[in-house]
Amino acid sequence: GVGMNRDDLMSHLGTIARSGTSAFMEQLSGDKSKDVNLIGQ
């Protein structure tokens, strides 16, 4: 496919680029059992 260059790798794999992933982080409670379920959600 389109592939990635150095900046793409830094941006896509080194930081949270997607707002959905960032929102996932905001939902984390510190309770392992609850947080594991968030993976599937």
PDB file of all heavy atoms in Angstrom:
ATOM      1  N   GLY A   1       0.807  -1.213   0.000  1.00  0.00           N
ATOM      2  CA  GLY A   1       0.000   0.000   0.000  1.00  0.00           C
ATOM      3  C   GLY A   1       0.834   1.254   0.000  1.00  0.00           C
ATOM      4  O   GLY A   1       1.967   1.272  -0.499  1.00  0.00           O
ATOM      5  N   VAL A   2       0.316   2.307   0.611  1.00  0.00           N
ATOM      6  CA  VAL A   2       0.946   3.619   0.514  1.00  0.00           C
ATOM      7  C   VAL A   2       2.256   3.702   1.291  1.00  0.00           C
ATOM      8  O   VAL A   2       3.132   4.498   0.970  1.00  0.00           O
ATOM      9  CB  VAL A   2      -0.032   4.713   0.987  1.00  0.00           C
ATOM     10  CG1 VAL A   2      -0.222   4.665   2.496  1.00  0.00           C
ATOM     11  CG2 VAL A   2       0.402   6.094   0.517  1.00  0.00           C
ATOM     12  N   GLY A   3       2.430   2.869   2.338  1.00  0.00           N
ATOM     13  CA  GLY A   3       3.671   2.864   3.093  1.00  0.00           C
ATOM     14  C   GLY A   3       3.828   4.079   3.996  1.00  0.00           C
ATOM     15  O   GLY A   3       2.996   4.992   4.018  1.00  0.00           O
ATOM     16  N   MET A   4       4.944   4.098   4.751  1.00  0.00           N
ATOM     17  CA  MET A   4       5.219   5.196   5.686  1.00  0.00           C
ATOM     18  C   MET A   4       6.678   5.612   5.586  1.00  0.00           C
ATOM     19  O   MET A   4       7.559   4.782   5.364  1.00  0.00           O
ATOM     20  CB  MET A   4       4.914   4.756   7.128  1.00  0.00           C
ATOM     21  CG  MET A   4       3.449   4.507   7.425  1.00  0.00           C
ATOM     22  SD  MET A   4       3.145   3.943   9.130  1.00  0.00           S
ATOM     23  CE  MET A   4       3.630   2.211   8.995  1.00  0.00           C
ATOM     24  N   ASN A   5       6.924   6.890   5.773  1.00  0.00           N
ATOM     25  CA  ASN A   5       8.294   7.374   5.885  1.00  0.00           C
ATOM     26  C   ASN A   5       8.621   7.608   7.361  1.00  0.00           C
ATOM     27  O   ASN A   5       7.822   7.253   8.244  1.00  0.00           O
ATOM     28  CB  ASN A   5       8.495   8.641   5.049  1.00  0.00           C
ATOM     29  CG  ASN A   5       7.522   9.754   5.421  1.00  0.00           C
ATOM     30  OD1 ASN A   5       7.046   9.822   6.551  1.00  0.00           O
ATOM     31  ND2 ASN A   5       7.219  10.614   4.454  1.00  0.00           N
ATOM     32  N   ARG A   6       9.751   8.208   7.629  1.00  0.00           N
ATOM     33  CA  ARG A   6      10.175   8.382   9.018  1.00  0.00           C
ATOM     34  C   ARG A   6       9.148   9.182   9.816  1.00  0.00           C
ATOM     35  O   ARG A   6       8.777   8.804  10.942  1.00  0.00           O
ATOM     36  CB  ARG A   6      11.531   9.096   9.058  1.00  0.00           C
ATOM     37  CG  ARG A   6      12.018   9.419  10.473  1.00  0.00           C
ATOM     38  CD  ARG A   6      13.268  10.301  10.447  1.00  0.00           C
ATOM     39  NE  ARG A   6      13.642  10.695  11.804  1.00  0.00           N
ATOM     40  CZ  ARG A   6      13.070  11.697  12.474  1.00  0.00           C
ATOM     41  NH1 ARG A   6      12.076  12.392  11.922  1.00  0.00           N
ATOM     42  NH2 ARG A   6      13.479  11.991  13.704  1.00  0.00           N
ATOM     43  N   ASP A   7       8.674  10.298   9.260  1.00  0.00           N
ATOM     44  CA  ASP A   7       7.727  11.136   9.991  1.00  0.00           C
ATOM     45  C   ASP A   7       6.412  10.404  10.239  1.00  0.00           C
ATOM     46  O   ASP A   7       5.785  10.566  11.295  1.00  0.00           O
ATOM     47  CB  ASP A   7       7.467  12.431   9.220  1.00  0.00           C
ATOM     48  CG  ASP A   7       8.692  13.345   9.201  1.00  0.00           C
ATOM     49  OD1 ASP A   7       9.582  13.147  10.048  1.00  0.00           O
ATOM     50  OD2 ASP A   7       8.753  14.233   8.325  1.00  0.00           O
ATOM     51  N   ASP A   8       5.987   9.606   9.261  1.00  0.00           N
ATOM     52  CA  ASP A   8       4.756   8.833   9.438  1.00  0.00           C
ATOM     53  C   ASP A   8       4.897   7.840  10.589  1.00  0.00           C
ATOM     54  O   ASP A   8       3.976   7.670  11.401  1.00  0.00           O
ATOM     55  CB  ASP A   8       4.413   8.073   8.152  1.00  0.00           C
ATOM     56  CG  ASP A   8       4.034   8.997   7.006  1.00  0.00           C
ATOM     57  OD1 ASP A   8       3.527  10.099   7.284  1.00  0.00           O
ATOM     58  OD2 ASP A   8       4.260   8.612   5.843  1.00  0.00           O
ATOM     59  N   LEU A   9       6.044   7.154  10.648  1.00  0.00           N
ATOM     60  CA  LEU A   9       6.276   6.181  11.721  1.00  0.00           C
ATOM     61  C   LEU A   9       6.259   6.868  13.079  1.00  0.00           C
ATOM     62  O   LEU A   9       5.688   6.349  14.041  1.00  0.00           O
ATOM     63  CB  LEU A   9       7.615   5.474  11.506  1.00  0.00           C
ATOM     64  CG  LEU A   9       7.666   4.477  10.335  1.00  0.00           C
ATOM     65  CD1 LEU A   9       9.105   4.052  10.069  1.00  0.00           C
ATOM     66  CD2 LEU A   9       6.807   3.247  10.631  1.00  0.00           C
ATOM     67  N   MET A  10       6.894   8.034  13.152  1.00  0.00           N
ATOM     68  CA  MET A  10       6.916   8.790  14.412  1.00  0.00           C
ATOM     69  C   MET A  10       5.494   9.193  14.809  1.00  0.00           C
ATOM     70  O   MET A  10       5.085   9.057  15.965  1.00  0.00           O
ATOM     71  CB  MET A  10       7.764  10.051  14.241  1.00  0.00           C
ATOM     72  CG  MET A  10       9.244   9.798  14.057  1.00  0.00           C
ATOM     73  SD  MET A  10      10.102   9.611  15.633  1.00  0.00           S
ATOM     74  CE  MET A  10       9.980  11.266  16.291  1.00  0.00           C
ATOM     75  N   SER A  11       4.732   9.668  13.839  1.00  0.00           N
ATOM     76  CA  SER A  11       3.402  10.192  14.117  1.00  0.00           C
ATOM     77  C   SER A  11       2.398   9.088  14.421  1.00  0.00           C
ATOM     78  O   SER A  11       1.627   9.174  15.378  1.00  0.00           O
ATOM     79  CB  SER A  11       2.948  11.021  12.917  1.00  0.00           C
ATOM     80  OG  SER A  11       1.592  11.078  12.807  1.00  0.00           O
ATOM     81  N   HIS A  12       2.419   8.009  13.603  1.00  0.00           N
ATOM     82  CA  HIS A  12       1.395   6.971  13.729  1.00  0.00           C
ATOM     83  C   HIS A  12       1.693   5.967  14.834  1.00  0.00           C
ATOM     84  O   HIS A  12       0.770   5.434  15.466  1.00  0.00           O
ATOM     85  CB  HIS A  12       1.230   6.218  12.410  1.00  0.00           C
ATOM     86  CG  HIS A  12       0.769   7.089  11.285  1.00  0.00           C
ATOM     87  ND1 HIS A  12       0.060   8.246  11.465  1.00  0.00           N
ATOM     88  CD2 HIS A  12       0.929   6.963   9.930  1.00  0.00           C
ATOM     89  CE1 HIS A  12      -0.207   8.799  10.298  1.00  0.00           C
ATOM     90  NE2 HIS A  12       0.317   8.044   9.351  1.00  0.00           N
ATOM     91  N   LEU A  13       2.965   5.681  15.074  1.00  0.00           N
ATOM     92  CA  LEU A  13       3.309   4.620  16.024  1.00  0.00           C
ATOM     93  C   LEU A  13       3.936   5.121  17.318  1.00  0.00           C
ATOM     94  O   LEU A  13       4.059   4.349  18.270  1.00  0.00           O
ATOM     95  CB  LEU A  13       4.263   3.615  15.352  1.00  0.00           C
ATOM     96  CG  LEU A  13       3.781   3.008  14.037  1.00  0.00           C
ATOM     97  CD1 LEU A  13       4.752   1.925  13.576  1.00  0.00           C
ATOM     98  CD2 LEU A  13       2.382   2.449  14.165  1.00  0.00           C
ATOM     99  N   GLY A  14       4.331   6.386  17.353  1.00  0.00           N
ATOM    100  CA  GLY A  14       4.967   6.898  18.565  1.00  0.00           C
ATOM    101  C   GLY A  14       4.075   7.769  19.408  1.00  0.00           C
ATOM    102  O   GLY A  14       4.349   8.012  20.577  1.00  0.00           O
ATOM    103  N   THR A  15       2.989   8.259  18.817  1.00  0.00           N
ATOM    104  CA  THR A  15       2.056   9.119  19.547  1.00  0.00           C
ATOM    105  C   THR A  15       0.636   8.645  19.292  1.00  0.00           C
ATOM    106  O   THR A  15       0.375   7.883  18.360  1.00  0.00           O
ATOM    107  CB  THR A  15       2.166  10.585  19.083  1.00  0.00           C
ATOM    108  OG1 THR A  15       1.799  10.656  17.704  1.00  0.00           O
ATOM    109  CG2 THR A  15       3.579  11.106  19.262  1.00  0.00           C
ATOM    110  N   ILE A  16      -0.272   9.111  20.126  1.00  0.00           N
ATOM    111  CA  ILE A  16      -1.686   8.796  19.917  1.00  0.00           C
ATOM    112  C   ILE A  16      -2.230   9.793  18.906  1.00  0.00           C
ATOM    113  O   ILE A  16      -2.438  10.957  19.218  1.00  0.00           O
ATOM    114  CB  ILE A  16      -2.479   8.850  21.228  1.00  0.00           C
ATOM    115  CG1 ILE A  16      -2.082   7.674  22.122  1.00  0.00           C
ATOM    116  CG2 ILE A  16      -3.966   8.813  20.962  1.00  0.00           C
ATOM    117  CD1 ILE A  16      -2.842   7.604  23.409  1.00  0.00           C
ATOM    118  N   ALA A  17      -2.402   9.336  17.680  1.00  0.00           N
ATOM    119  CA  ALA A  17      -2.843  10.225  16.608  1.00  0.00           C
ATOM    120  C   ALA A  17      -4.358  10.231  16.466  1.00  0.00           C
ATOM    121  O   ALA A  17      -4.953  11.222  16.086  1.00  0.00           O
ATOM    122  CB  ALA A  17      -2.194   9.809  15.292  1.00  0.00           C
ATOM    123  N   ARG A  18      -4.985   9.099  16.756  1.00  0.00           N
ATOM    124  CA  ARG A  18      -6.428   8.987  16.573  1.00  0.00           C
ATOM    125  C   ARG A  18      -7.162   9.430  17.827  1.00  0.00           C
ATOM    126  O   ARG A  18      -6.837   9.007  18.931  1.00  0.00           O
ATOM    127  CB  ARG A  18      -6.827   7.544  16.249  1.00  0.00           C
ATOM    128  CG  ARG A  18      -6.465   7.093  14.846  1.00  0.00           C
ATOM    129  CD  ARG A  18      -6.830   5.627  14.659  1.00  0.00           C
ATOM    130  NE  ARG A  18      -8.211   5.383  15.043  1.00  0.00           N
ATOM    131  CZ  ARG A  18      -8.649   4.185  15.439  1.00  0.00           C
ATOM    132  NH1 ARG A  18      -7.821   3.168  15.536  1.00  0.00           N
ATOM    133  NH2 ARG A  18      -9.913   4.027  15.749  1.00  0.00           N
ATOM    134  N   SER A  19      -8.165  10.291  17.632  1.00  0.00           N
ATOM    135  CA  SER A  19      -8.918  10.773  18.786  1.00  0.00           C
ATOM    136  C   SER A  19      -9.613   9.634  19.509  1.00  0.00           C
ATOM    137  O   SER A  19      -9.850   9.685  20.704  1.00  0.00           O
ATOM    138  CB  SER A  19      -9.958  11.816  18.340  1.00  0.00           C
ATOM    139  OG  SER A  19     -10.859  11.252  17.407  1.00  0.00           O
ATOM    140  N   GLY A  20      -9.954   8.586  18.770  1.00  0.00           N
ATOM    141  CA  GLY A  20     -10.610   7.437  19.402  1.00  0.00           C
ATOM    142  C   GLY A  20      -9.700   6.762  20.407  1.00  0.00           C
ATOM    143  O   GLY A  20     -10.121   6.367  21.492  1.00  0.00           O
ATOM    144  N   THR A  21      -8.408   6.621  20.060  1.00  0.00           N
ATOM    145  CA  THR A  21      -7.463   6.009  20.987  1.00  0.00           C
ATOM    146  C   THR A  21      -7.247   6.906  22.189  1.00  0.00           C
ATOM    147  O   THR A  21      -7.131   6.448  23.317  1.00  0.00           O
ATOM    148  CB  THR A  21      -6.122   5.734  20.278  1.00  0.00           C
ATOM    149  OG1 THR A  21      -6.373   4.984  19.089  1.00  0.00           O
ATOM    150  CG2 THR A  21      -5.195   4.946  21.164  1.00  0.00           C
ATOM    151  N   SER A  22      -7.192   8.216  21.947  1.00  0.00           N
ATOM    152  CA  SER A  22      -7.033   9.150  23.053  1.00  0.00           C
ATOM    153  C   SER A  22      -8.212   9.062  24.009  1.00  0.00           C
ATOM    154  O   SER A  22      -8.050   9.055  25.230  1.00  0.00           O
ATOM    155  CB  SER A  22      -6.904  10.579  22.504  1.00  0.00           C
ATOM    156  OG  SER A  22      -6.763  11.500  23.551  1.00  0.00           O
ATOM    157  N   ALA A  23      -9.408   8.959  23.451  1.00  0.00           N
ATOM    158  CA  ALA A  23     -10.601   8.830  24.295  1.00  0.00           C
ATOM    159  C   ALA A  23     -10.569   7.522  25.078  1.00  0.00           C
ATOM    160  O   ALA A  23     -11.024   7.456  26.217  1.00  0.00           O
ATOM    161  CB  ALA A  23     -11.862   8.896  23.436  1.00  0.00           C
ATOM    162  N   PHE A  24     -10.041   6.478  24.458  1.00  0.00           N
ATOM    163  CA  PHE A  24      -9.885   5.200  25.155  1.00  0.00           C
ATOM    164  C   PHE A  24      -9.041   5.410  26.413  1.00  0.00           C
ATOM    165  O   PHE A  24      -9.364   4.909  27.486  1.00  0.00           O
ATOM    166  CB  PHE A  24      -9.208   4.188  24.224  1.00  0.00           C
ATOM    167  CG  PHE A  24      -8.758   2.913  24.903  1.00  0.00           C
ATOM    168  CD1 PHE A  24      -9.617   1.837  25.006  1.00  0.00           C
ATOM    169  CD2 PHE A  24      -7.487   2.791  25.433  1.00  0.00           C
ATOM    170  CE1 PHE A  24      -9.222   0.668  25.627  1.00  0.00           C
ATOM    171  CE2 PHE A  24      -7.079   1.626  26.048  1.00  0.00           C
ATOM    172  CZ  PHE A  24      -7.944   0.563  26.145  1.00  0.00           C
ATOM    173  N   MET A  25      -7.954   6.175  26.266  1.00  0.00           N
ATOM    174  CA  MET A  25      -7.075   6.398  27.414  1.00  0.00           C
ATOM    175  C   MET A  25      -7.796   7.142  28.533  1.00  0.00           C
ATOM    176  O   MET A  25      -7.566   6.887  29.712  1.00  0.00           O
ATOM    177  CB  MET A  25      -5.845   7.200  26.974  1.00  0.00           C
ATOM    178  CG  MET A  25      -4.948   6.478  25.970  1.00  0.00           C
ATOM    179  SD  MET A  25      -4.394   4.866  26.579  1.00  0.00           S
ATOM    180  CE  MET A  25      -3.624   5.339  28.119  1.00  0.00           C
ATOM    181  N   GLU A  26      -8.675   8.059  28.156  1.00  0.00           N
ATOM    182  CA  GLU A  26      -9.406   8.826  29.165  1.00  0.00           C
ATOM    183  C   GLU A  26     -10.355   7.946  29.963  1.00  0.00           C
ATOM    184  O   GLU A  26     -10.738   8.282  31.083  1.00  0.00           O
ATOM    185  CB  GLU A  26     -10.180   9.961  28.498  1.00  0.00           C
ATOM    186  CG  GLU A  26      -9.273  11.015  27.871  1.00  0.00           C
ATOM    187  CD  GLU A  26     -10.063  12.022  27.063  1.00  0.00           C
ATOM    188  OE1 GLU A  26     -11.311  11.918  27.054  1.00  0.00           O
ATOM    189  OE2 GLU A  26      -9.439  12.905  26.448  1.00  0.00           O
ATOM    190  N   GLN A  27     -10.743   6.800  29.396  1.00  0.00           N
ATOM    191  CA  GLN A  27     -11.688   5.907  30.061  1.00  0.00           C
ATOM    192  C   GLN A  27     -11.001   4.991  31.072  1.00  0.00           C
ATOM    193  O   GLN A  27     -11.661   4.360  31.892  1.00  0.00           O
ATOM    194  CB  GLN A  27     -12.412   5.035  29.023  1.00  0.00           C
ATOM    195  CG  GLN A  27     -13.289   5.827  28.067  1.00  0.00           C
ATOM    196  CD  GLN A  27     -14.573   6.281  28.718  1.00  0.00           C
ATOM    197  OE1 GLN A  27     -15.090   5.625  29.616  1.00  0.00           O
ATOM    198  NE2 GLN A  27     -15.093   7.414  28.290  1.00  0.00           N
ATOM    199  N   LEU A  28      -9.663   4.890  31.001  1.00  0.00           N
ATOM    200  CA  LEU A  28      -8.970   3.949  31.876  1.00  0.00           C
ATOM    201  C   LEU A  28      -9.136   4.352  33.335  1.00  0.00           C
ATOM    202  O   LEU A  28      -8.960   5.498  33.713  1.00  0.00           O
ATOM    203  CB  LEU A  28      -7.476   3.899  31.518  1.00  0.00           C
ATOM    204  CG  LEU A  28      -7.154   3.340  30.125  1.00  0.00           C
ATOM    205  CD1 LEU A  28      -5.653   3.338  29.905  1.00  0.00           C
ATOM    206  CD2 LEU A  28      -7.713   1.944  29.952  1.00  0.00           C
ATOM    207  N   SER A  29      -9.459   3.364  34.161  1.00  0.00           N
ATOM    208  CA  SER A  29      -9.759   3.639  35.561  1.00  0.00           C
ATOM    209  C   SER A  29      -8.651   3.214  36.507  1.00  0.00           C
ATOM    210  O   SER A  29      -8.598   3.639  37.656  1.00  0.00           O
ATOM    211  CB  SER A  29     -11.050   2.903  35.954  1.00  0.00           C
ATOM    212  OG  SER A  29     -10.858   1.503  35.858  1.00  0.00           O
ATOM    213  N   GLY A  30      -7.765   2.348  36.043  1.00  0.00           N
ATOM    214  CA  GLY A  30      -6.749   1.785  36.927  1.00  0.00           C
ATOM    215  C   GLY A  30      -7.148   0.424  37.452  1.00  0.00           C
ATOM    216  O   GLY A  30      -6.323  -0.326  37.978  1.00  0.00           O
ATOM    217  N   ASP A  31      -8.414   0.066  37.310  1.00  0.00           N
ATOM    218  CA  ASP A  31      -8.900  -1.257  37.687  1.00  0.00           C
ATOM    219  C   ASP A  31      -8.640  -2.199  36.512  1.00  0.00           C
ATOM    220  O   ASP A  31      -9.226  -2.061  35.443  1.00  0.00           O
ATOM    221  CB  ASP A  31     -10.399  -1.191  37.996  1.00  0.00           C
ATOM    222  CG  ASP A  31     -10.953  -2.523  38.501  1.00  0.00           C
ATOM    223  OD1 ASP A  31     -10.548  -3.578  37.966  1.00  0.00           O
ATOM    224  OD2 ASP A  31     -11.791  -2.504  39.414  1.00  0.00           O
ATOM    225  N   LYS A  32      -7.742  -3.173  36.700  1.00  0.00           N
ATOM    226  CA  LYS A  32      -7.306  -4.016  35.582  1.00  0.00           C
ATOM    227  C   LYS A  32      -8.469  -4.750  34.922  1.00  0.00           C
ATOM    228  O   LYS A  32      -8.557  -4.829  33.705  1.00  0.00           O
ATOM    229  CB  LYS A  32      -6.259  -5.029  36.070  1.00  0.00           C
ATOM    230  CG  LYS A  32      -4.904  -4.405  36.359  1.00  0.00           C
ATOM    231  CD  LYS A  32      -3.870  -5.472  36.688  1.00  0.00           C
ATOM    232  CE  LYS A  32      -2.496  -4.850  36.913  1.00  0.00           C
ATOM    233  NZ  LYS A  32      -1.476  -5.860  37.232  1.00  0.00           N
ATOM    234  N   SER A  33      -9.376  -5.279  35.704  1.00  0.00           N
ATOM    235  CA  SER A  33     -10.476  -6.052  35.120  1.00  0.00           C
ATOM    236  C   SER A  33     -11.374  -5.162  34.271  1.00  0.00           C
ATOM    237  O   SER A  33     -11.826  -5.547  33.198  1.00  0.00           O
ATOM    238  CB  SER A  33     -11.293  -6.726  36.226  1.00  0.00           C
ATOM    239  OG  SER A  33     -11.853  -5.755  37.094  1.00  0.00           O
ATOM    240  N   LYS A  34     -11.630  -3.930  34.752  1.00  0.00           N
ATOM    241  CA  LYS A  34     -12.469  -3.012  33.989  1.00  0.00           C
ATOM    242  C   LYS A  34     -11.745  -2.521  32.742  1.00  0.00           C
ATOM    243  O   LYS A  34     -12.319  -2.422  31.662  1.00  0.00           O
ATOM    244  CB  LYS A  34     -12.878  -1.813  34.859  1.00  0.00           C
ATOM    245  CG  LYS A  34     -13.826  -2.163  36.000  1.00  0.00           C
ATOM    246  CD  LYS A  34     -14.182  -0.916  36.790  1.00  0.00           C
ATOM    247  CE  LYS A  34     -15.130  -1.258  37.941  1.00  0.00           C
ATOM    248  NZ  LYS A  34     -15.464  -0.047  38.748  1.00  0.00           N
ATOM    249  N   ASP A  35     -10.462  -2.214  32.893  1.00  0.00           N
ATOM    250  CA  ASP A  35      -9.704  -1.674  31.766  1.00  0.00           C
ATOM    251  C   ASP A  35      -9.525  -2.694  30.657  1.00  0.00           C
ATOM    252  O   ASP A  35      -9.513  -2.355  29.477  1.00  0.00           O
ATOM    253  CB  ASP A  35      -8.335  -1.166  32.244  1.00  0.00           C
ATOM    254  CG  ASP A  35      -8.459   0.075  33.123  1.00  0.00           C
ATOM    255  OD1 ASP A  35      -9.545   0.676  33.114  1.00  0.00           O
ATOM    256  OD2 ASP A  35      -7.486   0.426  33.792  1.00  0.00           O
ATOM    257  N   VAL A  36      -9.388  -3.965  31.012  1.00  0.00           N
ATOM    258  CA  VAL A  36      -9.258  -5.012  29.999  1.00  0.00           C
ATOM    259  C   VAL A  36     -10.510  -5.058  29.137  1.00  0.00           C
ATOM    260  O   VAL A  36     -10.446  -5.231  27.918  1.00  0.00           O
ATOM    261  CB  VAL A  36      -8.989  -6.378  30.666  1.00  0.00           C
ATOM    262  CG1 VAL A  36      -9.293  -7.519  29.700  1.00  0.00           C
ATOM    263  CG2 VAL A  36      -7.547  -6.469  31.114  1.00  0.00           C
ATOM    264  N   ASN A  37     -11.677  -4.881  29.762  1.00  0.00           N
ATOM    265  CA  ASN A  37     -12.923  -4.897  28.993  1.00  0.00           C
ATOM    266  C   ASN A  37     -12.998  -3.739  28.007  1.00  0.00           C
ATOM    267  O   ASN A  37     -13.653  -3.840  26.970  1.00  0.00           O
ATOM    268  CB  ASN A  37     -14.126  -4.832  29.952  1.00  0.00           C
ATOM    269  CG  ASN A  37     -14.289  -6.117  30.747  1.00  0.00           C
ATOM    270  OD1 ASN A  37     -13.898  -7.179  30.276  1.00  0.00           O
ATOM    271  ND2 ASN A  37     -14.856  -6.007  31.925  1.00  0.00           N
ATOM    272  N   LEU A  38     -12.310  -2.638  28.326  1.00  0.00           N
ATOM    273  CA  LEU A  38     -12.319  -1.504  27.423  1.00  0.00           C
ATOM    274  C   LEU A  38     -11.628  -1.823  26.104  1.00  0.00           C
ATOM    275  O   LEU A  38     -11.922  -1.221  25.081  1.00  0.00           O
ATOM    276  CB  LEU A  38     -11.634  -0.291  28.075  1.00  0.00           C
ATOM    277  CG  LEU A  38     -12.414   0.418  29.183  1.00  0.00           C
ATOM    278  CD1 LEU A  38     -11.555   1.487  29.814  1.00  0.00           C
ATOM    279  CD2 LEU A  38     -13.683   1.034  28.624  1.00  0.00           C
ATOM    280  N   ILE A  39     -10.699  -2.773  26.123  1.00  0.00           N
ATOM    281  CA  ILE A  39     -10.025  -3.168  24.885  1.00  0.00           C
ATOM    282  C   ILE A  39     -11.068  -3.647  23.893  1.00  0.00           C
ATOM    283  O   ILE A  39     -11.084  -3.261  22.727  1.00  0.00           O
ATOM    284  CB  ILE A  39      -8.984  -4.280  25.139  1.00  0.00           C
ATOM    285  CG1 ILE A  39      -7.925  -3.804  26.130  1.00  0.00           C
ATOM    286  CG2 ILE A  39      -8.334  -4.706  23.830  1.00  0.00           C
ATOM    287  CD1 ILE A  39      -6.979  -4.914  26.564  1.00  0.00           C
ATOM    288  N   GLY A  40     -11.942  -4.511  24.341  1.00  0.00           N
ATOM    289  CA  GLY A  40     -12.970  -5.044  23.458  1.00  0.00           C
ATOM    290  C   GLY A  40     -14.011  -4.014  23.089  1.00  0.00           C
ATOM    291  O   GLY A  40     -14.618  -4.091  22.034  1.00  0.00           O
ATOM    292  N   GLN A  41     -14.213  -3.019  23.951  1.00  0.00           N
ATOM    293  CA  GLN A  41     -15.252  -2.025  23.690  1.00  0.00           C
ATOM    294  C   GLN A  41     -14.807  -0.991  22.668  1.00  0.00           C
ATOM    295  O   GLN A  41     -15.557  -0.598  21.795  1.00  0.00           O
ATOM    296  CB  GLN A  41     -15.631  -1.313  24.992  1.00  0.00           C
ATOM    297  CG  GLN A  41     -16.796  -0.340  24.846  1.00  0.00           C
ATOM    298  CD  GLN A  41     -17.191   0.263  26.163  1.00  0.00           C
ATOM    299  OE1 GLN A  41     -16.754  -0.181  27.222  1.00  0.00           O
ATOM    300  NE2 GLN A  41     -18.013   1.288  26.114  1.00  0.00           N
TER     301      GLN A  41
END
